[in-house]
């Protein structure tokens, strides 16, 4: 496994991203990763906060349009996250914090799918059930945990 991680990190792309003095290398990728996170987590938080009971007069149906925005943020984060991983694969790929972050993201995405199915799926009537409220609260907590573990990685 370490050989694979070392070859990723030692690739031309990994070396360029990590060692280039260009603003278009690591700083640009990190900035795009941060923007993607803001888009994904911000749009998700709008829906989640509505589902847990904030601003109950806002209708749910227009919030369905947030899902493509969330997916755009998710894919921007996925692409830039892979790039950031390649730049430092031997360190990140061996830490428990990084694995925890990935696990948290997987669970958060599963929760996102479940919320969409329960609120907007076939047969759903746009009713906010206690289960939906719990999923929305979990979503908020999971995205916060993903952000915290992501930031913590800089210090381990």
C-alpha atoms as a PDB file:
ATOM      1  CA  UNK A   1       0.000   0.000   0.000  1.00  0.00           C
ATOM      2  CA  UNK A   2       2.798   2.401   0.847  1.00  0.00           C
ATOM      3  CA  UNK A   3       4.282   1.806  -2.620  1.00  0.00           C
ATOM      4  CA  UNK A   4       1.040   2.938  -4.247  1.00  0.00           C
ATOM      5  CA  UNK A   5       0.827   5.993  -2.002  1.00  0.00           C
ATOM      6  CA  UNK A   6       4.483   6.860  -2.645  1.00  0.00           C
ATOM      7  CA  UNK A   7       4.036   6.558  -6.409  1.00  0.00           C
ATOM      8  CA  UNK A   8       0.992   8.853  -6.278  1.00  0.00           C
ATOM      9  CA  UNK A   9       2.861  11.405  -4.221  1.00  0.00           C
ATOM     10  CA  UNK A  10       5.962  11.127  -6.410  1.00  0.00           C
ATOM     11  CA  UNK A  11       4.037  11.518  -9.664  1.00  0.00           C
ATOM     12  CA  UNK A  12       4.627  14.586 -11.776  1.00  0.00           C
ATOM     13  CA  UNK A  13       1.244  15.984 -10.786  1.00  0.00           C
ATOM     14  CA  UNK A  14       1.802  15.342  -7.075  1.00  0.00           C
ATOM     15  CA  UNK A  15       5.233  16.941  -7.168  1.00  0.00           C
ATOM     16  CA  UNK A  16       4.007  19.956  -9.157  1.00  0.00           C
ATOM     17  CA  UNK A  17       1.036  20.526  -6.879  1.00  0.00           C
ATOM     18  CA  UNK A  18       3.099  20.223  -3.706  1.00  0.00           C
ATOM     19  CA  UNK A  19       6.281  22.037  -4.770  1.00  0.00           C
ATOM     20  CA  UNK A  20       5.244  24.585  -7.370  1.00  0.00           C
ATOM     21  CA  UNK A  21       5.494  28.191  -6.360  1.00  0.00           C
ATOM     22  CA  UNK A  22       2.615  29.007  -8.685  1.00  0.00           C
ATOM     23  CA  UNK A  23      -0.607  30.358  -7.256  1.00  0.00           C
ATOM     24  CA  UNK A  24      -2.355  27.995  -9.703  1.00  0.00           C
ATOM     25  CA  UNK A  25      -1.006  24.931  -7.928  1.00  0.00           C
ATOM     26  CA  UNK A  26      -1.719  24.097  -4.282  1.00  0.00           C
ATOM     27  CA  UNK A  27      -3.302  27.458  -3.325  1.00  0.00           C
ATOM     28  CA  UNK A  28      -5.797  27.338  -6.207  1.00  0.00           C
ATOM     29  CA  UNK A  29      -6.746  23.707  -5.580  1.00  0.00           C
ATOM     30  CA  UNK A  30      -7.145  24.334  -1.853  1.00  0.00           C
ATOM     31  CA  UNK A  31      -9.269  27.413  -2.557  1.00  0.00           C
ATOM     32  CA  UNK A  32     -11.483  25.451  -4.967  1.00  0.00           C
ATOM     33  CA  UNK A  33     -11.820  22.708  -2.331  1.00  0.00           C
ATOM     34  CA  UNK A  34     -12.923  25.284   0.223  1.00  0.00           C
ATOM     35  CA  UNK A  35     -15.433  26.818  -2.215  1.00  0.00           C
ATOM     36  CA  UNK A  36     -16.851  23.385  -3.033  1.00  0.00           C
ATOM     37  CA  UNK A  37     -17.246  22.656   0.647  1.00  0.00           C
ATOM     38  CA  UNK A  38     -18.998  25.966   1.182  1.00  0.00           C
ATOM     39  CA  UNK A  39     -21.417  25.277  -1.668  1.00  0.00           C
ATOM     40  CA  UNK A  40     -22.145  21.691  -0.593  1.00  0.00           C
ATOM     41  CA  UNK A  41     -22.425  22.295   3.128  1.00  0.00           C
ATOM     42  CA  UNK A  42     -24.141  25.668   2.733  1.00  0.00           C
ATOM     43  CA  UNK A  43     -26.880  24.322   0.460  1.00  0.00           C
ATOM     44  CA  UNK A  44     -27.286  21.240   2.628  1.00  0.00           C
ATOM     45  CA  UNK A  45     -27.509  23.388   5.759  1.00  0.00           C
ATOM     46  CA  UNK A  46     -30.289  25.503   4.233  1.00  0.00           C
ATOM     47  CA  UNK A  47     -32.388  22.390   3.629  1.00  0.00           C
ATOM     48  CA  UNK A  48     -31.423  20.743   6.917  1.00  0.00           C
ATOM     49  CA  UNK A  49     -32.230  23.820   8.985  1.00  0.00           C
ATOM     50  CA  UNK A  50     -35.633  24.092   7.310  1.00  0.00           C
ATOM     51  CA  UNK A  51     -36.280  20.409   8.044  1.00  0.00           C
ATOM     52  CA  UNK A  52     -35.340  20.681  11.724  1.00  0.00           C
ATOM     53  CA  UNK A  53     -37.841  23.484  12.137  1.00  0.00           C
ATOM     54  CA  UNK A  54     -36.142  26.778  11.324  1.00  0.00           C
ATOM     55  CA  UNK A  55     -38.191  29.037   9.044  1.00  0.00           C
ATOM     56  CA  UNK A  56     -41.186  26.670   8.831  1.00  0.00           C
ATOM     57  CA  UNK A  57     -43.061  29.030   6.495  1.00  0.00           C
ATOM     58  CA  UNK A  58     -40.526  28.481   3.726  1.00  0.00           C
ATOM     59  CA  UNK A  59     -42.098  25.915   1.388  1.00  0.00           C
ATOM     60  CA  UNK A  60     -40.161  22.694   0.891  1.00  0.00           C
ATOM     61  CA  UNK A  61     -40.752  22.276  -2.842  1.00  0.00           C
ATOM     62  CA  UNK A  62     -38.476  25.136  -4.001  1.00  0.00           C
ATOM     63  CA  UNK A  63     -35.673  23.734  -1.827  1.00  0.00           C
ATOM     64  CA  UNK A  64     -35.575  20.651  -4.073  1.00  0.00           C
ATOM     65  CA  UNK A  65     -33.544  22.797  -6.488  1.00  0.00           C
ATOM     66  CA  UNK A  66     -30.678  22.799  -3.956  1.00  0.00           C
ATOM     67  CA  UNK A  67     -29.758  19.196  -4.787  1.00  0.00           C
ATOM     68  CA  UNK A  68     -27.995  19.965  -8.100  1.00  0.00           C
ATOM     69  CA  UNK A  69     -26.113  22.747  -6.298  1.00  0.00           C
ATOM     70  CA  UNK A  70     -25.091  20.321  -3.545  1.00  0.00           C
ATOM     71  CA  UNK A  71     -23.885  17.808  -6.153  1.00  0.00           C
ATOM     72  CA  UNK A  72     -21.864  20.480  -7.945  1.00  0.00           C
ATOM     73  CA  UNK A  73     -20.145  21.308  -4.651  1.00  0.00           C
ATOM     74  CA  UNK A  74     -19.668  17.619  -3.886  1.00  0.00           C
ATOM     75  CA  UNK A  75     -17.990  16.867  -7.230  1.00  0.00           C
ATOM     76  CA  UNK A  76     -15.796  19.964  -7.009  1.00  0.00           C
ATOM     77  CA  UNK A  77     -14.710  18.737  -3.571  1.00  0.00           C
ATOM     78  CA  UNK A  78     -14.180  15.186  -4.812  1.00  0.00           C
ATOM     79  CA  UNK A  79     -11.912  16.281  -7.671  1.00  0.00           C
ATOM     80  CA  UNK A  80      -9.938  18.799  -5.630  1.00  0.00           C
ATOM     81  CA  UNK A  81      -9.809  16.403  -2.663  1.00  0.00           C
ATOM     82  CA  UNK A  82      -8.208  13.719  -4.823  1.00  0.00           C
ATOM     83  CA  UNK A  83      -5.683  16.280  -6.068  1.00  0.00           C
ATOM     84  CA  UNK A  84      -4.835  17.365  -2.520  1.00  0.00           C
ATOM     85  CA  UNK A  85      -4.524  13.719  -1.506  1.00  0.00           C
ATOM     86  CA  UNK A  86      -2.101  12.984  -4.361  1.00  0.00           C
ATOM     87  CA  UNK A  87       0.117  15.866  -3.227  1.00  0.00           C
ATOM     88  CA  UNK A  88       0.546  14.301   0.228  1.00  0.00           C
ATOM     89  CA  UNK A  89      -0.581  10.678  -0.158  1.00  0.00           C
ATOM     90  CA  UNK A  90       1.959   8.996   2.137  1.00  0.00           C
ATOM     91  CA  UNK A  91       0.993  11.216   5.053  1.00  0.00           C
ATOM     92  CA  UNK A  92      -2.765  11.535   4.549  1.00  0.00           C
ATOM     93  CA  UNK A  93      -3.280   7.968   3.421  1.00  0.00           C
ATOM     94  CA  UNK A  94      -1.913   6.587   6.663  1.00  0.00           C
ATOM     95  CA  UNK A  95      -3.782   8.736   9.208  1.00  0.00           C
ATOM     96  CA  UNK A  96      -6.855   7.712  11.150  1.00  0.00           C
ATOM     97  CA  UNK A  97      -8.189  11.264  10.892  1.00  0.00           C
ATOM     98  CA  UNK A  98      -8.244  11.094   7.078  1.00  0.00           C
ATOM     99  CA  UNK A  99     -10.013   7.737   7.120  1.00  0.00           C
ATOM    100  CA  UNK A 100     -12.510   9.100   9.649  1.00  0.00           C
ATOM    101  CA  UNK A 101     -13.135  12.106   7.403  1.00  0.00           C
ATOM    102  CA  UNK A 102     -13.845   9.865   4.413  1.00  0.00           C
ATOM    103  CA  UNK A 103     -16.161   7.690   6.504  1.00  0.00           C
ATOM    104  CA  UNK A 104     -18.047  10.728   7.773  1.00  0.00           C
ATOM    105  CA  UNK A 105     -18.475  12.006   4.211  1.00  0.00           C
ATOM    106  CA  UNK A 106     -19.820   8.642   3.040  1.00  0.00           C
ATOM    107  CA  UNK A 107     -22.386   8.589   5.856  1.00  0.00           C
ATOM    108  CA  UNK A 108     -23.328  12.234   5.189  1.00  0.00           C
ATOM    109  CA  UNK A 109     -23.965  11.451   1.502  1.00  0.00           C
ATOM    110  CA  UNK A 110     -26.095   8.426   2.431  1.00  0.00           C
ATOM    111  CA  UNK A 111     -28.102  10.653   4.789  1.00  0.00           C
ATOM    112  CA  UNK A 112     -28.492  13.207   1.991  1.00  0.00           C
ATOM    113  CA  UNK A 113     -29.920  10.520  -0.315  1.00  0.00           C
ATOM    114  CA  UNK A 114     -32.286   9.366   2.439  1.00  0.00           C
ATOM    115  CA  UNK A 115     -33.513  12.912   3.068  1.00  0.00           C
ATOM    116  CA  UNK A 116     -34.178  13.415  -0.630  1.00  0.00           C
ATOM    117  CA  UNK A 117     -36.050  10.110  -0.863  1.00  0.00           C
ATOM    118  CA  UNK A 118     -38.179  10.789   2.218  1.00  0.00           C
ATOM    119  CA  UNK A 119     -39.016  14.413   1.378  1.00  0.00           C
ATOM    120  CA  UNK A 120     -39.094  14.470  -2.430  1.00  0.00           C
ATOM    121  CA  UNK A 121     -39.207  10.827  -3.542  1.00  0.00           C
ATOM    122  CA  UNK A 122     -42.128   8.942  -5.074  1.00  0.00           C
ATOM    123  CA  UNK A 123     -45.038   8.899  -2.677  1.00  0.00           C
ATOM    124  CA  UNK A 124     -43.467  11.519  -0.411  1.00  0.00           C
ATOM    125  CA  UNK A 125     -45.892  14.269   0.444  1.00  0.00           C
ATOM    126  CA  UNK A 126     -43.341  16.821   1.586  1.00  0.00           C
ATOM    127  CA  UNK A 127     -44.196  16.083   5.200  1.00  0.00           C
ATOM    128  CA  UNK A 128     -41.460  16.606   7.768  1.00  0.00           C
ATOM    129  CA  UNK A 129     -41.647  13.541   9.975  1.00  0.00           C
ATOM    130  CA  UNK A 130     -39.642  13.033  13.161  1.00  0.00           C
ATOM    131  CA  UNK A 131     -37.396  10.688  11.146  1.00  0.00           C
ATOM    132  CA  UNK A 132     -36.725  13.436   8.581  1.00  0.00           C
ATOM    133  CA  UNK A 133     -35.970  15.892  11.399  1.00  0.00           C
ATOM    134  CA  UNK A 134     -33.492  13.420  12.887  1.00  0.00           C
ATOM    135  CA  UNK A 135     -31.842  12.863   9.508  1.00  0.00           C
ATOM    136  CA  UNK A 136     -31.528  16.631   8.973  1.00  0.00           C
ATOM    137  CA  UNK A 137     -29.965  17.078  12.421  1.00  0.00           C
ATOM    138  CA  UNK A 138     -27.583  14.194  11.676  1.00  0.00           C
ATOM    139  CA  UNK A 139     -26.706  15.794   8.336  1.00  0.00           C
ATOM    140  CA  UNK A 140     -25.801  19.063  10.028  1.00  0.00           C
ATOM    141  CA  UNK A 141     -23.639  17.229  12.573  1.00  0.00           C
ATOM    142  CA  UNK A 142     -21.965  15.039   9.934  1.00  0.00           C
ATOM    143  CA  UNK A 143     -20.989  17.928   7.653  1.00  0.00           C
ATOM    144  CA  UNK A 144     -19.654  19.826  10.663  1.00  0.00           C
ATOM    145  CA  UNK A 145     -17.643  16.746  11.660  1.00  0.00           C
ATOM    146  CA  UNK A 146     -16.275  16.433   8.098  1.00  0.00           C
ATOM    147  CA  UNK A 147     -15.140  20.063   8.193  1.00  0.00           C
ATOM    148  CA  UNK A 148     -13.552  19.675  11.629  1.00  0.00           C
ATOM    149  CA  UNK A 149     -11.695  16.479  10.719  1.00  0.00           C
ATOM    150  CA  UNK A 150     -10.558  18.085   7.450  1.00  0.00           C
ATOM    151  CA  UNK A 151      -9.110  21.047   9.296  1.00  0.00           C
ATOM    152  CA  UNK A 152      -7.628  18.808  12.002  1.00  0.00           C
ATOM    153  CA  UNK A 153      -5.653  16.930   9.343  1.00  0.00           C
ATOM    154  CA  UNK A 154      -3.386  19.949   8.992  1.00  0.00           C
ATOM    155  CA  UNK A 155      -2.220  19.443  12.563  1.00  0.00           C
ATOM    156  CA  UNK A 156      -1.597  15.702  12.749  1.00  0.00           C
END
